[in-house]
Amino acid sequence: MKQGYRVGIAGASSLLGQELLRVLKERAFPLSRLLTFESDDQEPDLPVVDLSEHLESVVAGEDVSPADLDFVFLAARREQMPSSLRRVLEACRLTGTSSTSSVPRCVVIDLGEALTEPSGDAPAAVMSIPFLERSLPGTPGLPPARIIASAYPAVIVLSGLLLRLAKRFTPRNAVASVLSPASELGPRGIEELQKQTVNLLSFQKIPRNVFGAQLAFNLLAQLGGKHAAELADLEHRLRRQLRQYLANRVPMPAFRVFQAPVFYSLAVSLYVETEEPQPPEALAMALAGEHIHVRRRSEPSPSQVEAAGSSDILVDTIAVDADHPAGIWIWAAVDNIRLAAVNAVEIAESLRDRLRP
């Protein structure tokens, strides 16, 4: 067998799964085998694009053991886990989180809390944002673990901004608004936003099955209909992950999640108060670094449209609040699908030395 790692992707036909395939190829992740797991009883969201000569699809009933895989990326919801993958996870005893003296051969990287959501007395899963762990002094590396949670994109953005600032300054408090795109709800959300936009412009009745309300040319604080709980549930998950990753290193920000009428990329409006007023230039220097690009005053403000396709968090020029000299405003935009995939692959890359092919 060619030297490389044996990788499985659950939900390869989803938007996130497709992006994972692209990032693995772009970063030349060494593969000897690539398996895709799809749900037994659901139609794939999108046709799986063959981006690797090693791509194989696992059909229902096919026997795959933990010994056949080095990494498994979970880009599917818990209820969409195919039986072929469930058998692998059960054989690895990955019903929760577990740590051992050495990393097991098969490591699971969970992008959507399909397995890592805390329940009962189960501890929170190990969480990782590799580019922050490389740049923040004193941040411990990943401990040995069977399962690792890749943080949600909004958590990566807020953690990156707050922890980078805290390297040089002392944040007292923070408040954030997260503008979530339709792609967070998958192809169904993108399709309904597209139909709403077209129908409104042609004076026709708009569909409301996904958002439960008009999202096109609008902004929603909550969804309606049968998906009413999804935005509040996302906010709850972000809050839990953010609290876990910040781990009291900076004050926990107050924040809300809003449904934005955009197809791709999320935006964050973040207000931070520091102990003392600071010049914007010094704040920008503290933020800038790997994966975070801060605009100069001569450059245009980044937008969610511009961020699509980029792996970087695009940050506008730092603005000081007119009535609060120690308060600053930060506007940031990032491709949510792209950032999630890159972060997950970087986790696998950080473990490559432990799992040599």
Protein backbone atom coordinates (compact mmCIF):
# COMPACT_ATOMS: atom_id res chain seq x y z
CA MET A 1 0.00 0.00 0.00
CA LYS A 2 1.24 3.48 -0.86
CA GLN A 3 2.54 5.40 2.17
CA GLY A 4 -0.21 7.55 3.61
CA TYR A 5 -3.10 7.66 6.03
CA ARG A 6 -6.41 5.86 5.79
CA VAL A 7 -9.14 8.48 6.12
CA GLY A 8 -12.93 8.22 6.41
CA ILE A 9 -15.43 11.05 5.96
CA ALA A 10 -19.00 10.82 7.22
CA GLY A 11 -21.28 13.17 5.30
CA ALA A 12 -18.98 13.60 2.30
CA SER A 13 -21.94 14.75 0.18
CA SER A 14 -22.71 17.68 2.51
CA LEU A 15 -21.33 21.17 1.93
CA LEU A 16 -18.85 20.62 4.74
CA GLY A 17 -17.90 17.16 3.52
CA GLN A 18 -17.22 18.45 0.01
CA GLU A 19 -15.00 21.20 1.41
CA LEU A 20 -13.11 18.66 3.51
CA LEU A 21 -12.31 16.70 0.36
CA ARG A 22 -11.03 19.86 -1.34
CA VAL A 23 -8.87 20.91 1.61
CA LEU A 24 -7.32 17.44 1.94
CA LYS A 25 -6.35 17.62 -1.72
CA GLU A 26 -5.12 21.23 -1.65
CA ARG A 27 -2.92 20.62 1.40
CA ALA A 28 -1.60 17.37 -0.10
CA PHE A 29 -2.60 15.40 2.98
CA PRO A 30 -0.90 12.00 2.48
CA LEU A 31 -3.61 9.45 1.71
CA SER A 32 -3.42 5.77 1.02
CA ARG A 33 -7.19 5.25 1.28
CA LEU A 34 -10.20 7.57 1.43
CA LEU A 35 -13.60 6.19 2.43
CA THR A 36 -16.88 8.13 2.34
CA PHE A 37 -19.77 7.09 4.57
CA GLU A 38 -23.30 8.11 3.61
CA SER A 39 -26.57 7.61 5.47
CA ASP A 40 -28.39 4.38 4.67
CA ASP A 41 -31.84 5.95 4.41
CA GLN A 42 -31.25 9.52 3.18
CA GLU A 43 -30.43 10.93 -0.20
CA PRO A 44 -27.01 12.61 -0.33
CA ASP A 45 -27.15 16.42 -0.18
CA LEU A 46 -24.77 16.72 -3.15
CA PRO A 47 -23.04 14.27 -5.48
CA VAL A 48 -19.63 13.36 -4.08
CA VAL A 49 -16.96 14.87 -6.30
CA ASP A 50 -14.04 12.48 -6.82
CA LEU A 51 -11.08 14.63 -5.82
CA SER A 52 -8.75 11.76 -4.99
CA GLU A 53 -7.56 8.63 -6.72
CA HIS A 54 -8.04 6.88 -3.37
CA LEU A 55 -11.77 7.69 -3.00
CA GLU A 56 -14.05 4.77 -2.13
CA SER A 57 -17.67 4.75 -1.01
CA VAL A 58 -18.79 2.46 1.82
CA VAL A 59 -22.15 0.93 1.00
CA ALA A 60 -24.74 -0.28 3.49
CA GLY A 61 -23.74 -3.57 5.04
CA GLU A 62 -20.08 -3.32 4.07
CA ASP A 63 -17.76 -4.36 6.88
CA VAL A 64 -15.19 -1.73 7.91
CA SER A 65 -13.18 -2.15 11.10
CA PRO A 66 -11.29 0.46 13.18
CA ALA A 67 -8.06 -1.14 11.99
CA ASP A 68 -8.94 0.05 8.46
CA LEU A 69 -8.78 3.76 9.35
CA ASP A 70 -6.37 6.27 10.89
CA PHE A 71 -8.65 9.33 10.87
CA VAL A 72 -12.42 9.73 10.64
CA PHE A 73 -13.94 13.17 9.98
CA LEU A 74 -17.56 13.51 11.14
CA ALA A 75 -19.31 16.06 8.91
CA ALA A 76 -22.77 14.55 9.43
CA ARG A 77 -25.36 14.93 12.15
CA ARG A 78 -25.77 12.21 14.76
CA GLU A 79 -29.04 10.99 13.23
CA GLN A 80 -27.40 10.78 9.79
CA MET A 81 -24.66 8.37 10.85
CA PRO A 82 -24.76 5.33 8.53
CA SER A 83 -24.79 1.88 10.09
CA SER A 84 -21.43 1.06 8.47
CA LEU A 85 -19.82 3.91 10.41
CA ARG A 86 -21.72 3.24 13.61
CA ARG A 87 -20.16 -0.21 13.72
CA VAL A 88 -16.70 1.32 13.42
CA LEU A 89 -17.36 3.81 16.22
CA GLU A 90 -18.89 1.19 18.48
CA ALA A 91 -15.93 -1.12 17.90
CA CYS A 92 -13.62 1.75 18.89
CA ARG A 93 -15.83 2.35 21.96
CA LEU A 94 -16.33 5.92 20.83
CA THR A 95 -19.75 6.44 22.34
CA GLY A 96 -18.21 9.28 24.35
CA THR A 97 -14.81 10.73 25.02
CA SER A 98 -11.89 8.80 26.39
CA SER A 99 -8.20 9.38 26.94
CA THR A 100 -5.46 6.79 27.15
CA SER A 101 -1.71 6.78 27.58
CA SER A 102 -1.25 6.79 23.81
CA VAL A 103 -3.41 7.88 20.91
CA PRO A 104 -5.44 4.96 19.51
CA ARG A 105 -4.84 4.13 15.89
CA CYS A 106 -8.22 5.48 14.77
CA VAL A 107 -8.80 9.13 15.77
CA VAL A 108 -12.18 10.79 15.20
CA ILE A 109 -12.37 14.52 14.43
CA ASP A 110 -15.92 15.73 15.02
CA LEU A 111 -16.93 18.91 13.15
CA GLY A 112 -20.51 19.17 14.32
CA GLU A 113 -20.84 17.52 17.74
CA ALA A 114 -22.24 14.34 16.25
CA LEU A 115 -20.50 12.47 19.08
CA THR A 116 -18.86 15.12 21.25
CA GLU A 117 -21.90 16.86 22.72
CA PRO A 118 -21.71 16.39 26.51
CA SER A 119 -24.42 14.22 28.02
CA GLY A 120 -25.00 13.15 31.60
CA ASP A 121 -21.72 12.79 33.43
CA ALA A 122 -19.66 12.50 30.24
CA PRO A 123 -16.86 15.11 30.18
CA ALA A 124 -16.56 17.61 27.38
CA ALA A 125 -14.49 16.39 24.45
CA VAL A 126 -10.99 17.67 23.80
CA MET A 127 -11.33 20.73 21.56
CA SER A 128 -8.71 22.14 19.25
CA ILE A 129 -8.01 25.27 17.18
CA PRO A 130 -4.48 24.49 15.97
CA PHE A 131 -3.47 27.93 14.64
CA LEU A 132 -4.23 29.51 18.04
CA GLU A 133 -2.44 26.76 19.90
CA ARG A 134 0.65 27.40 17.75
CA SER A 135 0.66 31.15 18.40
CA LEU A 136 -0.39 31.44 22.05
CA PRO A 137 2.43 30.89 24.56
CA GLY A 138 1.79 28.31 27.22
CA THR A 139 -1.05 26.63 25.34
CA PRO A 140 -0.74 22.87 25.85
CA GLY A 141 -0.76 20.54 22.87
CA LEU A 142 -3.49 18.03 22.20
CA PRO A 143 -3.57 15.33 24.86
CA PRO A 144 -3.98 11.70 23.79
CA ALA A 145 -7.65 11.23 22.92
CA ARG A 146 -9.86 8.99 20.82
CA ILE A 147 -12.13 11.82 19.75
CA ILE A 148 -11.43 15.51 19.17
CA ALA A 149 -13.96 18.29 18.64
CA SER A 150 -13.16 20.79 15.90
CA ALA A 151 -14.62 24.09 17.08
CA TYR A 152 -17.49 25.76 15.26
CA PRO A 153 -16.40 28.61 12.93
CA ALA A 154 -17.98 31.33 15.11
CA VAL A 155 -16.13 29.91 18.12
CA ILE A 156 -12.86 29.98 16.16
CA VAL A 157 -13.42 33.62 15.19
CA LEU A 158 -14.37 34.85 18.68
CA SER A 159 -11.63 32.82 20.39
CA GLY A 160 -9.03 34.02 17.91
CA LEU A 161 -9.91 37.70 18.33
CA LEU A 162 -10.22 37.64 22.11
CA LEU A 163 -7.19 35.48 22.87
CA ARG A 164 -4.94 37.38 20.46
CA LEU A 165 -5.96 40.66 22.14
CA ALA A 166 -5.36 39.16 25.58
CA LYS A 167 -1.73 38.40 24.68
CA ARG A 168 -0.93 42.13 24.99
CA PHE A 169 -3.93 43.78 26.62
CA THR A 170 -6.50 42.98 29.32
CA PRO A 171 -10.09 42.68 28.05
CA ARG A 172 -12.65 43.58 30.72
CA ASN A 173 -15.79 42.54 28.88
CA ALA A 174 -17.07 41.81 25.39
CA VAL A 175 -20.36 41.69 23.49
CA ALA A 176 -20.80 40.05 20.08
CA SER A 177 -23.42 39.62 17.38
CA VAL A 178 -22.95 36.61 15.10
CA LEU A 179 -24.60 36.81 11.66
CA SER A 180 -25.14 33.23 10.54
CA PRO A 181 -25.49 32.37 6.81
CA ALA A 182 -28.04 30.08 5.19
CA SER A 183 -25.30 27.51 4.50
CA GLU A 184 -25.25 26.66 8.22
CA LEU A 185 -28.54 24.86 7.48
CA GLY A 186 -27.09 23.07 4.45
CA PRO A 187 -28.42 22.94 0.88
CA ARG A 188 -32.03 23.18 2.08
CA GLY A 189 -31.32 26.62 3.58
CA ILE A 190 -29.47 27.84 0.51
CA GLU A 191 -32.23 26.61 -1.80
CA GLU A 192 -35.02 28.28 0.19
CA LEU A 193 -33.17 31.61 0.40
CA GLN A 194 -32.65 31.49 -3.37
CA LYS A 195 -36.33 30.73 -4.01
CA GLN A 196 -37.46 33.44 -1.59
CA THR A 197 -35.28 36.01 -3.36
CA VAL A 198 -36.49 35.05 -6.85
CA ASN A 199 -40.15 34.85 -5.82
CA LEU A 200 -40.10 38.22 -4.05
CA LEU A 201 -38.65 39.92 -7.10
CA SER A 202 -41.35 38.33 -9.28
CA PHE A 203 -44.16 39.07 -6.76
CA GLN A 204 -44.89 35.41 -6.02
CA LYS A 205 -45.56 33.59 -2.77
CA ILE A 206 -42.35 32.69 -0.94
CA PRO A 207 -41.54 29.29 0.63
CA ARG A 208 -41.07 29.26 4.42
CA ASN A 209 -40.44 25.58 5.17
CA VAL A 210 -36.86 26.05 6.46
CA PHE A 211 -36.76 29.53 7.98
CA GLY A 212 -40.43 29.78 8.91
CA ALA A 213 -40.39 33.43 7.83
CA GLN A 214 -39.09 35.73 5.12
CA LEU A 215 -35.29 35.79 5.27
CA ALA A 216 -34.60 37.34 1.85
CA PHE A 217 -33.92 41.10 2.26
CA ASN A 218 -34.48 40.58 5.99
CA LEU A 219 -32.72 39.65 9.24
CA LEU A 220 -34.14 37.14 11.74
CA ALA A 221 -33.56 36.91 15.49
CA GLN A 222 -35.22 33.49 15.51
CA LEU A 223 -36.58 30.98 13.04
CA GLY A 224 -40.19 29.87 12.82
CA GLY A 225 -42.11 26.74 11.94
CA LYS A 226 -40.70 23.25 12.43
CA HIS A 227 -37.09 24.54 12.50
CA ALA A 228 -37.79 27.20 15.14
CA ALA A 229 -35.36 25.69 17.65
CA GLU A 230 -32.38 25.41 15.30
CA LEU A 231 -31.01 28.95 15.71
CA ALA A 232 -31.39 28.83 19.50
CA ASP A 233 -29.78 25.38 19.53
CA LEU A 234 -26.83 26.69 17.49
CA GLU A 235 -26.42 29.58 19.91
CA HIS A 236 -26.45 27.14 22.85
CA ARG A 237 -23.74 24.98 21.24
CA LEU A 238 -21.58 27.99 20.42
CA ARG A 239 -21.89 29.27 23.97
CA ARG A 240 -20.88 25.90 25.43
CA GLN A 241 -17.92 25.48 23.09
CA LEU A 242 -16.73 29.05 23.62
CA ARG A 243 -16.89 28.72 27.39
CA GLN A 244 -14.91 25.48 27.18
CA TYR A 245 -12.21 26.77 24.85
CA LEU A 246 -11.69 30.16 26.51
CA ALA A 247 -11.43 28.37 29.88
CA ASN A 248 -11.44 31.65 31.85
CA ARG A 249 -8.40 32.99 29.97
CA VAL A 250 -10.54 35.98 28.96
CA PRO A 251 -14.02 37.08 30.10
CA MET A 252 -16.82 35.12 28.46
CA PRO A 253 -18.48 37.46 25.93
CA ALA A 254 -22.21 38.07 25.85
CA PHE A 255 -23.50 37.27 22.37
CA ARG A 256 -26.51 36.54 20.18
CA VAL A 257 -26.82 34.66 16.90
CA PHE A 258 -28.93 36.15 14.08
CA GLN A 259 -29.96 34.58 10.78
CA ALA A 260 -28.54 36.70 7.97
CA PRO A 261 -29.89 36.77 4.39
CA VAL A 262 -26.60 35.58 2.86
CA PHE A 263 -25.74 32.22 1.32
CA TYR A 264 -22.18 31.71 2.55
CA SER A 265 -19.82 33.18 5.17
CA LEU A 266 -20.57 34.40 8.67
CA ALA A 267 -19.84 37.84 10.12
CA VAL A 268 -19.13 38.90 13.68
CA SER A 269 -19.56 42.34 15.22
CA LEU A 270 -17.50 42.32 18.43
CA TYR A 271 -17.30 45.08 21.07
CA VAL A 272 -14.42 44.79 23.55
CA GLU A 273 -13.50 47.03 26.47
CA THR A 274 -9.89 46.93 27.68
CA GLU A 275 -8.52 48.09 31.02
CA GLU A 276 -6.99 51.20 29.45
CA PRO A 277 -7.56 52.98 26.14
CA GLN A 278 -5.25 51.60 23.44
CA PRO A 279 -4.24 52.98 20.03
CA PRO A 280 -5.99 51.14 17.18
CA GLU A 281 -2.66 50.42 15.50
CA ALA A 282 -1.41 48.49 18.54
CA LEU A 283 -4.67 46.54 18.73
CA ALA A 284 -4.42 45.66 15.03
CA MET A 285 -0.86 44.41 15.50
CA ALA A 286 -2.00 42.21 18.40
CA LEU A 287 -4.75 40.65 16.26
CA ALA A 288 -2.80 40.09 13.04
CA GLY A 289 -1.14 36.74 12.45
CA GLU A 290 -1.84 33.31 11.07
CA HIS A 291 -5.40 33.05 9.71
CA ILE A 292 -6.32 36.60 10.87
CA HIS A 293 -5.84 39.41 8.35
CA VAL A 294 -6.50 42.99 9.57
CA ARG A 295 -7.34 45.64 6.94
CA ARG A 296 -5.54 48.97 6.67
CA ARG A 297 -7.55 52.20 6.69
CA SER A 298 -6.95 52.56 2.97
CA GLU A 299 -8.54 49.17 2.27
CA PRO A 300 -12.30 48.50 1.97
CA SER A 301 -14.21 46.87 4.80
CA PRO A 302 -14.45 43.07 4.40
CA SER A 303 -17.83 41.54 3.65
CA GLN A 304 -19.38 38.09 3.87
CA VAL A 305 -19.45 37.94 0.07
CA GLU A 306 -15.73 38.73 -0.15
CA ALA A 307 -14.85 36.17 2.53
CA ALA A 308 -16.35 33.27 0.56
CA GLY A 309 -13.60 30.89 -0.52
CA SER A 310 -10.95 32.33 1.82
CA SER A 311 -9.35 30.44 4.72
CA ASP A 312 -8.59 33.69 6.56
CA ILE A 313 -10.63 35.67 9.08
CA LEU A 314 -10.92 39.09 7.44
CA VAL A 315 -10.96 41.91 10.02
CA ASP A 316 -11.85 45.54 9.34
CA THR A 317 -9.85 48.49 10.66
CA ILE A 318 -10.24 48.71 14.44
CA ALA A 319 -12.74 51.43 15.44
CA VAL A 320 -12.67 53.15 18.86
CA ASP A 321 -16.10 53.82 20.36
CA ALA A 322 -16.82 57.56 20.36
CA ASP A 323 -18.22 57.59 23.91
CA HIS A 324 -16.04 54.87 25.48
CA PRO A 325 -12.32 55.46 24.85
CA ALA A 326 -11.40 52.00 26.16
CA GLY A 327 -14.04 50.35 23.97
CA ILE A 328 -13.29 49.10 20.48
CA TRP A 329 -15.40 47.66 17.67
CA ILE A 330 -14.17 44.75 15.55
CA TRP A 331 -15.93 43.64 12.37
CA ALA A 332 -14.85 40.26 10.98
CA ALA A 333 -16.03 38.00 8.15
CA VAL A 334 -15.05 34.43 7.30
CA ASP A 335 -16.16 31.58 5.06
CA ASN A 336 -17.78 29.32 7.66
CA ILE A 337 -17.59 26.13 5.58
CA ARG A 338 -13.99 26.72 4.52
CA LEU A 339 -12.76 27.61 8.03
CA ALA A 340 -14.42 24.54 9.57
CA ALA A 341 -12.80 22.22 7.02
CA VAL A 342 -9.35 23.82 7.32
CA ASN A 343 -9.43 23.66 11.12
CA ALA A 344 -10.37 19.96 11.07
CA VAL A 345 -7.61 19.08 8.60
CA GLU A 346 -5.08 21.08 10.64
CA ILE A 347 -6.03 18.98 13.67
CA ALA A 348 -5.24 15.84 11.69
CA GLU A 349 -1.98 17.38 10.51
CA SER A 350 -0.99 18.15 14.10
CA LEU A 351 -1.44 14.46 14.96
CA ARG A 352 0.44 13.05 11.98
CA ASP A 353 3.66 12.56 13.94
CA ARG A 354 1.77 10.43 16.47
CA LEU A 355 0.20 8.28 13.76
CA ARG A 356 2.97 7.66 11.28
CA PRO A 357 1.74 5.64 8.28
